[in-house]
Amino acid sequence: MKPSLKKTGHDICPVKVLLVEGNESKQLEQLRVLKDLGCQVDIASSGLLALDMYDAGYDVIIAGNDLKNVNSVQLTQIIHTHRPNSNVILITTTSFTDIINQVNLARNNNASFH
């Protein structure tokens, strides 16, 4: 009989996460899942707050699309301008076509977008 390996959440996800979400109920739901996986999580409730926080050495940034001041596409653009190898995950109900249109608009408005 093979011994079973029981993984703790920390073994699954030993990463530092910046969760960027403006909706408090979504924050709590996503925080619970990430904590269950053993992630160290900080929360930014807006894109502007996330920009103030992202230099703290996060392994991954998870951003919702319903943000005030700076949306998730703009947030990703700004972060990748300063840290091109940053891992950013967008969680959105926006259609892929709409996101592509937002990215193209951002590219047209800022030549430094990569």
C-alpha atoms as a PDB file:
ATOM      1  CA  MET A   1       0.000   0.000   0.000  1.00  0.00           C
ATOM      2  CA  LYS A   2       1.375   3.392  -1.023  1.00  0.00           C
ATOM      3  CA  PRO A   3       1.591   6.022   1.674  1.00  0.00           C
ATOM      4  CA  SER A   4      -0.587   9.008   0.898  1.00  0.00           C
ATOM      5  CA  LEU A   5       0.924  12.443   0.842  1.00  0.00           C
ATOM      6  CA  LYS A   6      -1.172  15.057   2.539  1.00  0.00           C
ATOM      7  CA  LYS A   7      -0.373  18.536   1.345  1.00  0.00           C
ATOM      8  CA  THR A   8      -1.113  21.532   3.454  1.00  0.00           C
ATOM      9  CA  GLY A   9      -2.252  24.750   1.857  1.00  0.00           C
ATOM     10  CA  HIS A  10       1.216  26.188   2.415  1.00  0.00           C
ATOM     11  CA  ASP A  11       2.691  23.413   0.267  1.00  0.00           C
ATOM     12  CA  ILE A  12       0.258  24.199  -2.530  1.00  0.00           C
ATOM     13  CA  CYS A  13       0.644  27.980  -2.668  1.00  0.00           C
ATOM     14  CA  PRO A  14       3.584  29.424  -0.695  1.00  0.00           C
ATOM     15  CA  VAL A  15       3.337  32.778  -2.431  1.00  0.00           C
ATOM     16  CA  LYS A  16       2.740  36.410  -1.538  1.00  0.00           C
ATOM     17  CA  VAL A  17      -0.382  37.689  -3.321  1.00  0.00           C
ATOM     18  CA  LEU A  18      -1.731  41.192  -3.819  1.00  0.00           C
ATOM     19  CA  LEU A  19      -5.489  40.851  -4.289  1.00  0.00           C
ATOM     20  CA  VAL A  20      -6.945  43.910  -6.021  1.00  0.00           C
ATOM     21  CA  GLU A  21     -10.717  43.884  -5.720  1.00  0.00           C
ATOM     22  CA  GLY A  22     -13.201  46.692  -5.155  1.00  0.00           C
ATOM     23  CA  ASN A  23     -16.146  44.499  -4.138  1.00  0.00           C
ATOM     24  CA  GLU A  24     -15.963  43.569  -0.459  1.00  0.00           C
ATOM     25  CA  SER A  25     -17.917  40.294  -0.768  1.00  0.00           C
ATOM     26  CA  LYS A  26     -15.641  39.184  -3.626  1.00  0.00           C
ATOM     27  CA  GLN A  27     -12.613  40.160  -1.509  1.00  0.00           C
ATOM     28  CA  LEU A  28     -13.773  37.909   1.319  1.00  0.00           C
ATOM     29  CA  GLU A  29     -14.538  34.989  -1.011  1.00  0.00           C
ATOM     30  CA  GLN A  30     -11.199  35.210  -2.835  1.00  0.00           C
ATOM     31  CA  LEU A  31      -9.294  35.808   0.409  1.00  0.00           C
ATOM     32  CA  ARG A  32     -10.785  32.650   1.917  1.00  0.00           C
ATOM     33  CA  VAL A  33      -9.730  30.535  -1.072  1.00  0.00           C
ATOM     34  CA  LEU A  34      -6.223  31.996  -1.192  1.00  0.00           C
ATOM     35  CA  LYS A  35      -5.743  31.609   2.580  1.00  0.00           C
ATOM     36  CA  ASP A  36      -6.968  28.002   2.339  1.00  0.00           C
ATOM     37  CA  LEU A  37      -4.173  27.463  -0.187  1.00  0.00           C
ATOM     38  CA  GLY A  38      -1.685  28.924   2.269  1.00  0.00           C
ATOM     39  CA  CYS A  39      -1.053  32.169   0.422  1.00  0.00           C
ATOM     40  CA  GLN A  40       0.018  35.318   2.202  1.00  0.00           C
ATOM     41  CA  VAL A  41      -2.533  37.872   0.982  1.00  0.00           C
ATOM     42  CA  ASP A  42      -2.743  41.648   1.102  1.00  0.00           C
ATOM     43  CA  ILE A  43      -5.813  43.434  -0.258  1.00  0.00           C
ATOM     44  CA  ALA A  44      -6.025  46.651  -2.257  1.00  0.00           C
ATOM     45  CA  SER A  45      -9.578  47.906  -2.713  1.00  0.00           C
ATOM     46  CA  SER A  46      -8.704  50.113  -5.695  1.00  0.00           C
ATOM     47  CA  GLY A  47      -6.274  50.257  -8.582  1.00  0.00           C
ATOM     48  CA  LEU A  48      -4.605  53.362  -7.124  1.00  0.00           C
ATOM     49  CA  LEU A  49      -4.017  51.631  -3.799  1.00  0.00           C
ATOM     50  CA  ALA A  50      -2.591  48.628  -5.662  1.00  0.00           C
ATOM     51  CA  LEU A  51      -0.105  50.907  -7.418  1.00  0.00           C
ATOM     52  CA  ASP A  52       1.040  52.172  -4.009  1.00  0.00           C
ATOM     53  CA  MET A  53       1.437  48.594  -2.750  1.00  0.00           C
ATOM     54  CA  TYR A  54       2.786  46.537  -5.665  1.00  0.00           C
ATOM     55  CA  ASP A  55       6.452  47.332  -5.001  1.00  0.00           C
ATOM     56  CA  ALA A  56       6.300  45.240  -1.818  1.00  0.00           C
ATOM     57  CA  GLY A  57       7.578  42.182  -3.687  1.00  0.00           C
ATOM     58  CA  TYR A  58       4.443  40.225  -4.521  1.00  0.00           C
ATOM     59  CA  ASP A  59       4.781  36.950  -6.394  1.00  0.00           C
ATOM     60  CA  VAL A  60       1.464  37.502  -8.128  1.00  0.00           C
ATOM     61  CA  ILE A  61      -1.154  40.228  -8.417  1.00  0.00           C
ATOM     62  CA  ILE A  62      -4.770  39.131  -8.846  1.00  0.00           C
ATOM     63  CA  ALA A  63      -7.003  41.943 -10.062  1.00  0.00           C
ATOM     64  CA  GLY A  64     -10.731  42.161 -10.553  1.00  0.00           C
ATOM     65  CA  ASN A  65     -11.991  44.255 -13.457  1.00  0.00           C
ATOM     66  CA  ASP A  66     -14.437  46.326 -11.401  1.00  0.00           C
ATOM     67  CA  LEU A  67     -11.955  48.813  -9.951  1.00  0.00           C
ATOM     68  CA  LYS A  68     -12.274  52.514  -9.256  1.00  0.00           C
ATOM     69  CA  ASN A  69      -9.792  55.092 -10.523  1.00  0.00           C
ATOM     70  CA  VAL A  70      -7.508  52.660 -12.393  1.00  0.00           C
ATOM     71  CA  ASN A  71      -9.057  49.604 -14.078  1.00  0.00           C
ATOM     72  CA  SER A  72      -7.326  46.227 -14.229  1.00  0.00           C
ATOM     73  CA  VAL A  73      -6.069  46.711 -17.798  1.00  0.00           C
ATOM     74  CA  GLN A  74      -4.538  50.081 -16.888  1.00  0.00           C
ATOM     75  CA  LEU A  75      -3.129  48.569 -13.681  1.00  0.00           C
ATOM     76  CA  THR A  76      -1.507  45.754 -15.651  1.00  0.00           C
ATOM     77  CA  GLN A  77      -0.096  48.242 -18.155  1.00  0.00           C
ATOM     78  CA  ILE A  78       1.478  50.418 -15.449  1.00  0.00           C
ATOM     79  CA  ILE A  79       2.892  47.473 -13.509  1.00  0.00           C
ATOM     80  CA  HIS A  80       4.391  45.872 -16.635  1.00  0.00           C
ATOM     81  CA  THR A  81       5.943  49.194 -17.640  1.00  0.00           C
ATOM     82  CA  HIS A  82       7.885  49.233 -14.352  1.00  0.00           C
ATOM     83  CA  ARG A  83       8.247  45.477 -13.840  1.00  0.00           C
ATOM     84  CA  PRO A  84       7.899  43.640 -17.173  1.00  0.00           C
ATOM     85  CA  ASN A  85       8.157  40.175 -15.583  1.00  0.00           C
ATOM     86  CA  SER A  86       5.362  40.707 -13.035  1.00  0.00           C
ATOM     87  CA  ASN A  87       2.687  38.037 -12.808  1.00  0.00           C
ATOM     88  CA  VAL A  88      -0.750  39.637 -13.082  1.00  0.00           C
ATOM     89  CA  ILE A  89      -3.969  37.623 -13.236  1.00  0.00           C
ATOM     90  CA  LEU A  90      -7.160  39.389 -14.286  1.00  0.00           C
ATOM     91  CA  ILE A  91     -10.442  38.024 -12.950  1.00  0.00           C
ATOM     92  CA  THR A  92     -13.241  39.487 -14.990  1.00  0.00           C
ATOM     93  CA  THR A  93     -16.708  39.024 -16.351  1.00  0.00           C
ATOM     94  CA  THR A  94     -15.829  41.373 -19.193  1.00  0.00           C
ATOM     95  CA  SER A  95     -15.717  39.732 -22.602  1.00  0.00           C
ATOM     96  CA  PHE A  96     -12.334  38.918 -24.099  1.00  0.00           C
ATOM     97  CA  THR A  97     -13.130  41.228 -27.031  1.00  0.00           C
ATOM     98  CA  ASP A  98     -13.786  44.138 -24.659  1.00  0.00           C
ATOM     99  CA  ILE A  99     -10.499  43.505 -22.843  1.00  0.00           C
ATOM    100  CA  ILE A 100      -8.608  43.417 -26.163  1.00  0.00           C
ATOM    101  CA  ASN A 101     -10.267  46.715 -27.100  1.00  0.00           C
ATOM    102  CA  GLN A 102      -9.210  48.228 -23.742  1.00  0.00           C
ATOM    103  CA  VAL A 103      -5.630  47.020 -24.266  1.00  0.00           C
ATOM    104  CA  ASN A 104      -5.533  48.461 -27.795  1.00  0.00           C
ATOM    105  CA  LEU A 105      -6.922  51.764 -26.525  1.00  0.00           C
ATOM    106  CA  ALA A 106      -4.285  51.819 -23.783  1.00  0.00           C
ATOM    107  CA  ARG A 107      -1.566  51.115 -26.369  1.00  0.00           C
ATOM    108  CA  ASN A 108      -2.782  53.990 -28.529  1.00  0.00           C
ATOM    109  CA  ASN A 109      -2.814  56.340 -25.544  1.00  0.00           C
ATOM    110  CA  ASN A 110       0.614  55.325 -24.234  1.00  0.00           C
ATOM    111  CA  ALA A 111       3.451  54.384 -26.568  1.00  0.00           C
ATOM    112  CA  SER A 112       5.426  52.871 -23.680  1.00  0.00           C
ATOM    113  CA  PHE A 113       2.960  49.978 -23.277  1.00  0.00           C
ATOM    114  CA  HIS A 114       4.732  46.665 -23.935  1.00  0.00           C
END
